[in-house]
Amino acid sequence: MPSPNGAALSFHTRHRAVLAACLRNARVVADAAARLGSTVAVIAAGETWSSGEFRPALEDLIGAGAVIANLHGARLPEAELAERGFGCDVDLAA
């Protein structure tokens, strides 16, 4: 499934690494992000409709929460909310 907002965000970042995550690869992405540095930004890209209107996407927030659930350390309140939305009791290794 294409992600025009995610692609646009990845092209505009000034970070040395950009990782793309979904529910299926959330644990691996979290592990890779942790190896790259101690501070990680997890962004739920949402989508832009053909009218130009932005739509925050619940499915992106849940995917971000899956990545966050597999990271260690302090979290901003927004990250905690995303993690709770995912449901941190789910074991992605199963």
PDB file of N, CA and C in Angstrom:
ATOM      1  N   MET A   1       0.847  -1.170   0.000  1.00  0.00           N
ATOM      2  CA  MET A   1       0.000   0.000   0.000  1.00  0.00           C
ATOM      3  C   MET A   1       0.900   1.244   0.000  1.00  0.00           C
ATOM      4  N   PRO A   2       0.736   2.153  -0.936  1.00  0.00           N
ATOM      5  CA  PRO A   2       1.596   3.336  -1.000  1.00  0.00           C
ATOM      6  C   PRO A   2       1.338   4.297   0.161  1.00  0.00           C
ATOM      7  N   SER A   3       2.363   5.056   0.497  1.00  0.00           N
ATOM      8  CA  SER A   3       2.257   6.046   1.572  1.00  0.00           C
ATOM      9  C   SER A   3       2.857   7.364   1.098  1.00  0.00           C
ATOM     10  N   PRO A   4       2.084   8.153   0.336  1.00  0.00           N
ATOM     11  CA  PRO A   4       2.630   9.421  -0.166  1.00  0.00           C
ATOM     12  C   PRO A   4       3.109  10.349   0.947  1.00  0.00           C
ATOM     13  N   ASN A   5       2.387  10.441   2.061  1.00  0.00           N
ATOM     14  CA  ASN A   5       2.844  11.307   3.154  1.00  0.00           C
ATOM     15  C   ASN A   5       4.118  10.773   3.778  1.00  0.00           C
ATOM     16  N   GLY A   6       4.184   9.472   3.994  1.00  0.00           N
ATOM     17  CA  GLY A   6       5.392   8.876   4.557  1.00  0.00           C
ATOM     18  C   GLY A   6       6.584   9.097   3.653  1.00  0.00           C
ATOM     19  N   ALA A   7       6.391   8.932   2.355  1.00  0.00           N
ATOM     20  CA  ALA A   7       7.483   9.148   1.404  1.00  0.00           C
ATOM     21  C   ALA A   7       7.926  10.602   1.420  1.00  0.00           C
ATOM     22  N   ALA A   8       6.978  11.520   1.421  1.00  0.00           N
ATOM     23  CA  ALA A   8       7.321  12.949   1.449  1.00  0.00           C
ATOM     24  C   ALA A   8       8.085  13.297   2.724  1.00  0.00           C
ATOM     25  N   LEU A   9       7.632  12.787   3.859  1.00  0.00           N
ATOM     26  CA  LEU A   9       8.331  13.051   5.117  1.00  0.00           C
ATOM     27  C   LEU A   9       9.747  12.506   5.095  1.00  0.00           C
ATOM     28  N   SER A  10       9.938  11.318   4.526  1.00  0.00           N
ATOM     29  CA  SER A  10      11.276  10.726   4.507  1.00  0.00           C
ATOM     30  C   SER A  10      12.228  11.536   3.636  1.00  0.00           C
ATOM     31  N   PHE A  11      11.723  12.163   2.588  1.00  0.00           N
ATOM     32  CA  PHE A  11      12.577  12.978   1.726  1.00  0.00           C
ATOM     33  C   PHE A  11      12.938  14.317   2.365  1.00  0.00           C
ATOM     34  N   HIS A  12      12.146  14.785   3.306  1.00  0.00           N
ATOM     35  CA  HIS A  12      12.374  16.090   3.918  1.00  0.00           C
ATOM     36  C   HIS A  12      13.103  16.036   5.258  1.00  0.00           C
ATOM     37  N   THR A  13      13.420  14.857   5.722  1.00  0.00           N
ATOM     38  CA  THR A  13      14.076  14.761   7.024  1.00  0.00           C
ATOM     39  C   THR A  13      15.545  15.148   6.929  1.00  0.00           C
ATOM     40  N   ARG A  14      16.072  15.581   8.040  1.00  0.00           N
ATOM     41  CA  ARG A  14      17.502  15.899   8.106  1.00  0.00           C
ATOM     42  C   ARG A  14      18.251  14.844   8.920  1.00  0.00           C
ATOM     43  N   HIS A  15      17.563  13.782   9.254  1.00  0.00           N
ATOM     44  CA  HIS A  15      18.177  12.710  10.033  1.00  0.00           C
ATOM     45  C   HIS A  15      18.999  11.810   9.122  1.00  0.00           C
ATOM     46  N   ARG A  16      19.982  11.157   9.722  1.00  0.00           N
ATOM     47  CA  ARG A  16      20.866  10.306   8.920  1.00  0.00           C
ATOM     48  C   ARG A  16      20.228   8.993   8.505  1.00  0.00           C
ATOM     49  N   ALA A  17      19.167   8.598   9.180  1.00  0.00           N
ATOM     50  CA  ALA A  17      18.508   7.336   8.842  1.00  0.00           C
ATOM     51  C   ALA A  17      16.999   7.497   8.944  1.00  0.00           C
ATOM     52  N   VAL A  18      16.296   6.888   8.016  1.00  0.00           N
ATOM     53  CA  VAL A  18      14.836   6.864   8.026  1.00  0.00           C
ATOM     54  C   VAL A  18      14.425   5.400   7.881  1.00  0.00           C
ATOM     55  N   LEU A  19      13.598   4.940   8.794  1.00  0.00           N
ATOM     56  CA  LEU A  19      13.117   3.565   8.770  1.00  0.00           C
ATOM     57  C   LEU A  19      11.608   3.584   8.531  1.00  0.00           C
ATOM     58  N   ALA A  20      11.117   2.684   7.722  1.00  0.00           N
ATOM     59  CA  ALA A  20       9.686   2.577   7.464  1.00  0.00           C
ATOM     60  C   ALA A  20       9.142   1.377   8.235  1.00  0.00           C
ATOM     61  N   ALA A  21       8.082   1.608   8.990  1.00  0.00           N
ATOM     62  CA  ALA A  21       7.552   0.551   9.847  1.00  0.00           C
ATOM     63  C   ALA A  21       6.087   0.278   9.566  1.00  0.00           C
ATOM     64  N   CYS A  22       5.666  -0.900   9.976  1.00  0.00           N
ATOM     65  CA  CYS A  22       4.260  -1.300   9.942  1.00  0.00           C
ATOM     66  C   CYS A  22       4.066  -2.308  11.071  1.00  0.00           C
ATOM     67  N   LEU A  23       2.875  -2.806  11.233  1.00  0.00           N
ATOM     68  CA  LEU A  23       2.641  -3.774  12.296  1.00  0.00           C
ATOM     69  C   LEU A  23       3.509  -5.021  12.130  1.00  0.00           C
ATOM     70  N   ARG A  24       3.730  -5.409  10.908  1.00  0.00           N
ATOM     71  CA  ARG A  24       4.479  -6.640  10.632  1.00  0.00           C
ATOM     72  C   ARG A  24       5.955  -6.536  11.005  1.00  0.00           C
ATOM     73  N   ASN A  25       6.573  -5.368  10.839  1.00  0.00           N
ATOM     74  CA  ASN A  25       8.015  -5.245  11.088  1.00  0.00           C
ATOM     75  C   ASN A  25       8.345  -4.325  12.262  1.00  0.00           C
ATOM     76  N   ALA A  26       7.379  -4.021  13.100  1.00  0.00           N
ATOM     77  CA  ALA A  26       7.568  -3.039  14.175  1.00  0.00           C
ATOM     78  C   ALA A  26       8.720  -3.394  15.109  1.00  0.00           C
ATOM     79  N   ARG A  27       8.831  -4.651  15.506  1.00  0.00           N
ATOM     80  CA  ARG A  27       9.902  -5.043  16.427  1.00  0.00           C
ATOM     81  C   ARG A  27      11.275  -4.867  15.777  1.00  0.00           C
ATOM     82  N   VAL A  28      11.431  -5.292  14.550  1.00  0.00           N
ATOM     83  CA  VAL A  28      12.718  -5.178  13.861  1.00  0.00           C
ATOM     84  C   VAL A  28      13.088  -3.713  13.670  1.00  0.00           C
ATOM     85  N   VAL A  29      12.127  -2.879  13.308  1.00  0.00           N
ATOM     86  CA  VAL A  29      12.383  -1.451  13.132  1.00  0.00           C
ATOM     87  C   VAL A  29      12.782  -0.813  14.461  1.00  0.00           C
ATOM     88  N   ALA A  30      12.091  -1.166  15.542  1.00  0.00           N
ATOM     89  CA  ALA A  30      12.446  -0.630  16.865  1.00  0.00           C
ATOM     90  C   ALA A  30      13.867  -1.039  17.242  1.00  0.00           C
ATOM     91  N   ASP A  31      14.236  -2.290  16.993  1.00  0.00           N
ATOM     92  CA  ASP A  31      15.596  -2.746  17.296  1.00  0.00           C
ATOM     93  C   ASP A  31      16.632  -1.980  16.475  1.00  0.00           C
ATOM     94  N   ALA A  32      16.354  -1.785  15.196  1.00  0.00           N
ATOM     95  CA  ALA A  32      17.280  -1.043  14.331  1.00  0.00           C
ATOM     96  C   ALA A  32      17.393   0.407  14.780  1.00  0.00           C
ATOM     97  N   ALA A  33      16.270   1.022  15.136  1.00  0.00           N
ATOM     98  CA  ALA A  33      16.287   2.409  15.596  1.00  0.00           C
ATOM     99  C   ALA A  33      17.100   2.547  16.876  1.00  0.00           C
ATOM    100  N   ALA A  34      16.949   1.600  17.784  1.00  0.00           N
ATOM    101  CA  ALA A  34      17.702   1.646  19.046  1.00  0.00           C
ATOM    102  C   ALA A  34      19.198   1.525  18.795  1.00  0.00           C
ATOM    103  N   ARG A  35      19.591   0.753  17.799  1.00  0.00           N
ATOM    104  CA  ARG A  35      21.011   0.626  17.465  1.00  0.00           C
ATOM    105  C   ARG A  35      21.561   1.907  16.837  1.00  0.00           C
ATOM    106  N   LEU A  36      20.713   2.668  16.179  1.00  0.00           N
ATOM    107  CA  LEU A  36      21.155   3.892  15.495  1.00  0.00           C
ATOM    108  C   LEU A  36      21.346   5.075  16.432  1.00  0.00           C
ATOM    109  N   GLY A  37      20.669   5.087  17.567  1.00  0.00           N
ATOM    110  CA  GLY A  37      20.813   6.228  18.463  1.00  0.00           C
ATOM    111  C   GLY A  37      19.925   6.124  19.681  1.00  0.00           C
ATOM    112  N   SER A  38      20.135   7.051  20.602  1.00  0.00           N
ATOM    113  CA  SER A  38      19.384   7.012  21.850  1.00  0.00           C
ATOM    114  C   SER A  38      18.079   7.801  21.776  1.00  0.00           C
ATOM    115  N   THR A  39      17.923   8.643  20.779  1.00  0.00           N
ATOM    116  CA  THR A  39      16.690   9.406  20.593  1.00  0.00           C
ATOM    117  C   THR A  39      16.063   9.002  19.268  1.00  0.00           C
ATOM    118  N   VAL A  40      14.790   8.654  19.321  1.00  0.00           N
ATOM    119  CA  VAL A  40      14.087   8.170  18.138  1.00  0.00           C
ATOM    120  C   VAL A  40      12.813   8.988  17.955  1.00  0.00           C
ATOM    121  N   ALA A  41      12.538   9.409  16.742  1.00  0.00           N
ATOM    122  CA  ALA A  41      11.270  10.055  16.408  1.00  0.00           C
ATOM    123  C   ALA A  41      10.424   9.048  15.638  1.00  0.00           C
ATOM    124  N   VAL A  42       9.237   8.780  16.138  1.00  0.00           N
ATOM    125  CA  VAL A  42       8.303   7.888  15.468  1.00  0.00           C
ATOM    126  C   VAL A  42       7.146   8.758  14.997  1.00  0.00           C
ATOM    127  N   ILE A  43       6.917   8.779  13.685  1.00  0.00           N
ATOM    128  CA  ILE A  43       5.936   9.696  13.105  1.00  0.00           C
ATOM    129  C   ILE A  43       4.842   8.911  12.390  1.00  0.00           C
ATOM    130  N   ALA A  44       3.609   9.113  12.820  1.00  0.00           N
ATOM    131  CA  ALA A  44       2.450   8.549  12.127  1.00  0.00           C
ATOM    132  C   ALA A  44       2.073   9.537  11.024  1.00  0.00           C
ATOM    133  N   ALA A  45       2.367   9.197   9.782  1.00  0.00           N
ATOM    134  CA  ALA A  45       2.304  10.158   8.677  1.00  0.00           C
ATOM    135  C   ALA A  45       0.893  10.611   8.310  1.00  0.00           C
ATOM    136  N   GLY A  46      -0.105   9.774   8.502  1.00  0.00           N
ATOM    137  CA  GLY A  46      -1.436  10.158   8.053  1.00  0.00           C
ATOM    138  C   GLY A  46      -1.520  10.132   6.535  1.00  0.00           C
ATOM    139  N   GLU A  47      -2.503  10.810   5.993  1.00  0.00           N
ATOM    140  CA  GLU A  47      -2.623  10.850   4.532  1.00  0.00           C
ATOM    141  C   GLU A  47      -3.206  12.183   4.076  1.00  0.00           C
ATOM    142  N   THR A  48      -2.909  12.519   2.842  1.00  0.00           N
ATOM    143  CA  THR A  48      -3.472  13.715   2.224  1.00  0.00           C
ATOM    144  C   THR A  48      -4.416  13.264   1.117  1.00  0.00           C
ATOM    145  N   TRP A  49      -5.650  13.692   1.197  1.00  0.00           N
ATOM    146  CA  TRP A  49      -6.628  13.340   0.182  1.00  0.00           C
ATOM    147  C   TRP A  49      -6.381  14.133  -1.093  1.00  0.00           C
ATOM    148  N   SER A  50      -7.004  13.729  -2.176  1.00  0.00           N
ATOM    149  CA  SER A  50      -6.818  14.407  -3.463  1.00  0.00           C
ATOM    150  C   SER A  50      -7.250  15.866  -3.400  1.00  0.00           C
ATOM    151  N   SER A  51      -8.115  16.208  -2.446  1.00  0.00           N
ATOM    152  CA  SER A  51      -8.562  17.599  -2.271  1.00  0.00           C
ATOM    153  C   SER A  51      -7.493  18.451  -1.585  1.00  0.00           C
ATOM    154  N   GLY A  52      -6.423  17.791  -1.075  1.00  0.00           N
ATOM    155  CA  GLY A  52      -5.386  18.505  -0.344  1.00  0.00           C
ATOM    156  C   GLY A  52      -5.606  18.494   1.153  1.00  0.00           C
ATOM    157  N   GLU A  53      -6.753  17.974   1.589  1.00  0.00           N
ATOM    158  CA  GLU A  53      -7.079  17.913   3.008  1.00  0.00           C
ATOM    159  C   GLU A  53      -6.282  16.796   3.677  1.00  0.00           C
ATOM    160  N   PHE A  54      -5.729  17.097   4.866  1.00  0.00           N
ATOM    161  CA  PHE A  54      -4.959  16.113   5.622  1.00  0.00           C
ATOM    162  C   PHE A  54      -5.886  15.296   6.510  1.00  0.00           C
ATOM    163  N   ARG A  55      -5.645  14.001   6.565  1.00  0.00           N
ATOM    164  CA  ARG A  55      -6.404  13.115   7.444  1.00  0.00           C
ATOM    165  C   ARG A  55      -5.442  12.380   8.368  1.00  0.00           C
ATOM    166  N   PRO A  56      -5.469  12.695   9.677  1.00  0.00           N
ATOM    167  CA  PRO A  56      -4.694  11.869  10.606  1.00  0.00           C
ATOM    168  C   PRO A  56      -5.230  10.439  10.517  1.00  0.00           C
ATOM    169  N   ALA A  57      -4.359   9.469  10.452  1.00  0.00           N
ATOM    170  CA  ALA A  57      -4.793   8.091  10.245  1.00  0.00           C
ATOM    171  C   ALA A  57      -4.625   7.263  11.513  1.00  0.00           C
ATOM    172  N   LEU A  58      -5.727   6.742  12.030  1.00  0.00           N
ATOM    173  CA  LEU A  58      -5.688   5.902  13.216  1.00  0.00           C
ATOM    174  C   LEU A  58      -4.778   4.700  12.996  1.00  0.00           C
ATOM    175  N   GLU A  59      -4.817   4.126  11.799  1.00  0.00           N
ATOM    176  CA  GLU A  59      -3.981   2.963  11.514  1.00  0.00           C
ATOM    177  C   GLU A  59      -2.486   3.305  11.597  1.00  0.00           C
ATOM    178  N   ASP A  60      -2.122   4.522  11.236  1.00  0.00           N
ATOM    179  CA  ASP A  60      -0.729   4.951  11.366  1.00  0.00           C
ATOM    180  C   ASP A  60      -0.359   5.135  12.834  1.00  0.00           C
ATOM    181  N   LEU A  61      -1.275   5.674  13.620  1.00  0.00           N
ATOM    182  CA  LEU A  61      -1.030   5.849  15.052  1.00  0.00           C
ATOM    183  C   LEU A  61      -0.841   4.494  15.740  1.00  0.00           C
ATOM    184  N   ILE A  62      -1.632   3.508  15.368  1.00  0.00           N
ATOM    185  CA  ILE A  62      -1.498   2.170  15.942  1.00  0.00           C
ATOM    186  C   ILE A  62      -0.165   1.549  15.531  1.00  0.00           C
ATOM    187  N   GLY A  63       0.231   1.723  14.278  1.00  0.00           N
ATOM    188  CA  GLY A  63       1.530   1.221  13.823  1.00  0.00           C
ATOM    189  C   GLY A  63       2.678   1.893  14.552  1.00  0.00           C
ATOM    190  N   ALA A  64       2.575   3.207  14.754  1.00  0.00           N
ATOM    191  CA  ALA A  64       3.596   3.924  15.527  1.00  0.00           C
ATOM    192  C   ALA A  64       3.648   3.380  16.944  1.00  0.00           C
ATOM    193  N   GLY A  65       2.493   3.099  17.518  1.00  0.00           N
ATOM    194  CA  GLY A  65       2.434   2.537  18.862  1.00  0.00           C
ATOM    195  C   GLY A  65       3.107   1.182  18.945  1.00  0.00           C
ATOM    196  N   ALA A  66       3.009   0.385  17.879  1.00  0.00           N
ATOM    197  CA  ALA A  66       3.668  -0.922  17.852  1.00  0.00           C
ATOM    198  C   ALA A  66       5.180  -0.767  17.905  1.00  0.00           C
ATOM    199  N   VAL A  67       5.704   0.208  17.185  1.00  0.00           N
ATOM    200  CA  VAL A  67       7.152   0.467  17.228  1.00  0.00           C
ATOM    201  C   VAL A  67       7.536   0.956  18.621  1.00  0.00           C
ATOM    202  N   ILE A  68       6.799   1.915  19.132  1.00  0.00           N
ATOM    203  CA  ILE A  68       7.096   2.511  20.442  1.00  0.00           C
ATOM    204  C   ILE A  68       7.045   1.449  21.539  1.00  0.00           C
ATOM    205  N   ALA A  69       6.112   0.516  21.454  1.00  0.00           N
ATOM    206  CA  ALA A  69       5.998  -0.545  22.458  1.00  0.00           C
ATOM    207  C   ALA A  69       7.256  -1.396  22.530  1.00  0.00           C
ATOM    208  N   ASN A  70       8.031  -1.407  21.463  1.00  0.00           N
ATOM    209  CA  ASN A  70       9.252  -2.207  21.408  1.00  0.00           C
ATOM    210  C   ASN A  70      10.517  -1.390  21.653  1.00  0.00           C
ATOM    211  N   LEU A  71      10.370  -0.140  22.014  1.00  0.00           N
ATOM    212  CA  LEU A  71      11.513   0.712  22.355  1.00  0.00           C
ATOM    213  C   LEU A  71      11.601   0.849  23.871  1.00  0.00           C
ATOM    214  N   HIS A  72      12.798   1.071  24.365  1.00  0.00           N
ATOM    215  CA  HIS A  72      13.014   1.269  25.800  1.00  0.00           C
ATOM    216  C   HIS A  72      13.318   2.736  26.049  1.00  0.00           C
ATOM    217  N   GLY A  73      13.062   3.190  27.253  1.00  0.00           N
ATOM    218  CA  GLY A  73      13.407   4.555  27.616  1.00  0.00           C
ATOM    219  C   GLY A  73      12.194   5.434  27.841  1.00  0.00           C
ATOM    220  N   ALA A  74      12.486   6.701  28.080  1.00  0.00           N
ATOM    221  CA  ALA A  74      11.438   7.692  28.360  1.00  0.00           C
ATOM    222  C   ALA A  74      10.622   7.977  27.103  1.00  0.00           C
ATOM    223  N   ARG A  75       9.367   8.355  27.317  1.00  0.00           N
ATOM    224  CA  ARG A  75       8.463   8.656  26.200  1.00  0.00           C
ATOM    225  C   ARG A  75       7.755   9.981  26.452  1.00  0.00           C
ATOM    226  N   LEU A  76       7.496  10.675  25.370  1.00  0.00           N
ATOM    227  CA  LEU A  76       6.634  11.846  25.444  1.00  0.00           C
ATOM    228  C   LEU A  76       5.192  11.367  25.641  1.00  0.00           C
ATOM    229  N   PRO A  77       4.310  12.225  26.168  1.00  0.00           N
ATOM    230  CA  PRO A  77       2.911  11.812  26.362  1.00  0.00           C
ATOM    231  C   PRO A  77       2.251  11.309  25.072  1.00  0.00           C
ATOM    232  N   GLU A  78       2.569  11.916  23.941  1.00  0.00           N
ATOM    233  CA  GLU A  78       1.981  11.481  22.668  1.00  0.00           C
ATOM    234  C   GLU A  78       2.425  10.063  22.314  1.00  0.00           C
ATOM    235  N   ALA A  79       3.675   9.736  22.621  1.00  0.00           N
ATOM    236  CA  ALA A  79       4.185   8.389  22.358  1.00  0.00           C
ATOM    237  C   ALA A  79       3.493   7.378  23.269  1.00  0.00           C
ATOM    238  N   GLU A  80       3.285   7.757  24.522  1.00  0.00           N
ATOM    239  CA  GLU A  80       2.572   6.868  25.447  1.00  0.00           C
ATOM    240  C   GLU A  80       1.152   6.595  24.956  1.00  0.00           C
ATOM    241  N   LEU A  81       0.504   7.621  24.431  1.00  0.00           N
ATOM    242  CA  LEU A  81      -0.849   7.459  23.904  1.00  0.00           C
ATOM    243  C   LEU A  81      -0.858   6.501  22.712  1.00  0.00           C
ATOM    244  N   ALA A  82       0.109   6.659  21.809  1.00  0.00           N
ATOM    245  CA  ALA A  82       0.197   5.763  20.651  1.00  0.00           C
ATOM    246  C   ALA A  82       0.445   4.329  21.102  1.00  0.00           C
ATOM    247  N   GLU A  83       1.324   4.156  22.075  1.00  0.00           N
ATOM    248  CA  GLU A  83       1.621   2.815  22.589  1.00  0.00           C
ATOM    249  C   GLU A  83       0.371   2.183  23.196  1.00  0.00           C
ATOM    250  N   ARG A  84      -0.375   2.959  23.956  1.00  0.00           N
ATOM    251  CA  ARG A  84      -1.613   2.439  24.550  1.00  0.00           C
ATOM    252  C   ARG A  84      -2.642   2.106  23.473  1.00  0.00           C
ATOM    253  N   GLY A  85      -2.673   2.915  22.419  1.00  0.00           N
ATOM    254  CA  GLY A  85      -3.590   2.641  21.316  1.00  0.00           C
ATOM    255  C   GLY A  85      -3.273   1.324  20.624  1.00  0.00           C
ATOM    256  N   PHE A  86      -1.997   1.005  20.546  1.00  0.00           N
ATOM    257  CA  PHE A  86      -1.599  -0.279  19.960  1.00  0.00           C
ATOM    258  C   PHE A  86      -1.973  -1.421  20.883  1.00  0.00           C
ATOM    259  N   GLY A  87      -1.747  -1.261  22.176  1.00  0.00           N
ATOM    260  CA  GLY A  87      -2.002  -2.331  23.133  1.00  0.00           C
ATOM    261  C   GLY A  87      -0.717  -3.073  23.414  1.00  0.00           C
ATOM    262  N   CYS A  88       0.059  -2.578  24.352  1.00  0.00           N
ATOM    263  CA  CYS A  88       1.410  -3.086  24.578  1.00  0.00           C
ATOM    264  C   CYS A  88       1.454  -4.497  25.136  1.00  0.00           C
ATOM    265  N   ASP A  89       0.322  -5.147  25.370  1.00  0.00           N
ATOM    266  CA  ASP A  89       0.323  -6.522  25.843  1.00  0.00           C
ATOM    267  C   ASP A  89       0.517  -7.523  24.704  1.00  0.00           C
ATOM    268  N   VAL A  90       0.531  -7.058  23.471  1.00  0.00           N
ATOM    269  CA  VAL A  90       0.654  -7.939  22.309  1.00  0.00           C
ATOM    270  C   VAL A  90       2.116  -8.254  22.076  1.00  0.00           C
ATOM    271  N   ASP A  91       2.433  -9.547  21.919  1.00  0.00           N
ATOM    272  CA  ASP A  91       3.801  -9.966  21.638  1.00  0.00           C
ATOM    273  C   ASP A  91       3.970 -10.089  20.130  1.00  0.00           C
ATOM    274  N   LEU A  92       4.781  -9.214  19.548  1.00  0.00           N
ATOM    275  CA  LEU A  92       4.965  -9.218  18.101  1.00  0.00           C
ATOM    276  C   LEU A  92       5.795 -10.397  17.607  1.00  0.00           C
ATOM    277  N   ALA A  93       6.483 -11.101  18.509  1.00  0.00           N
ATOM    278  CA  ALA A  93       7.291 -12.237  18.104  1.00  0.00           C
ATOM    279  C   ALA A  93       6.433 -13.473  17.807  1.00  0.00           C
ATOM    280  N   ALA A  94       5.224 -13.458  18.305  1.00  0.00           N
ATOM    281  CA  ALA A  94       4.350 -14.634  18.125  1.00  0.00           C
ATOM    282  C   ALA A  94       3.898 -14.788  16.701  1.00  0.00           C
TER     283      ALA A  94
END
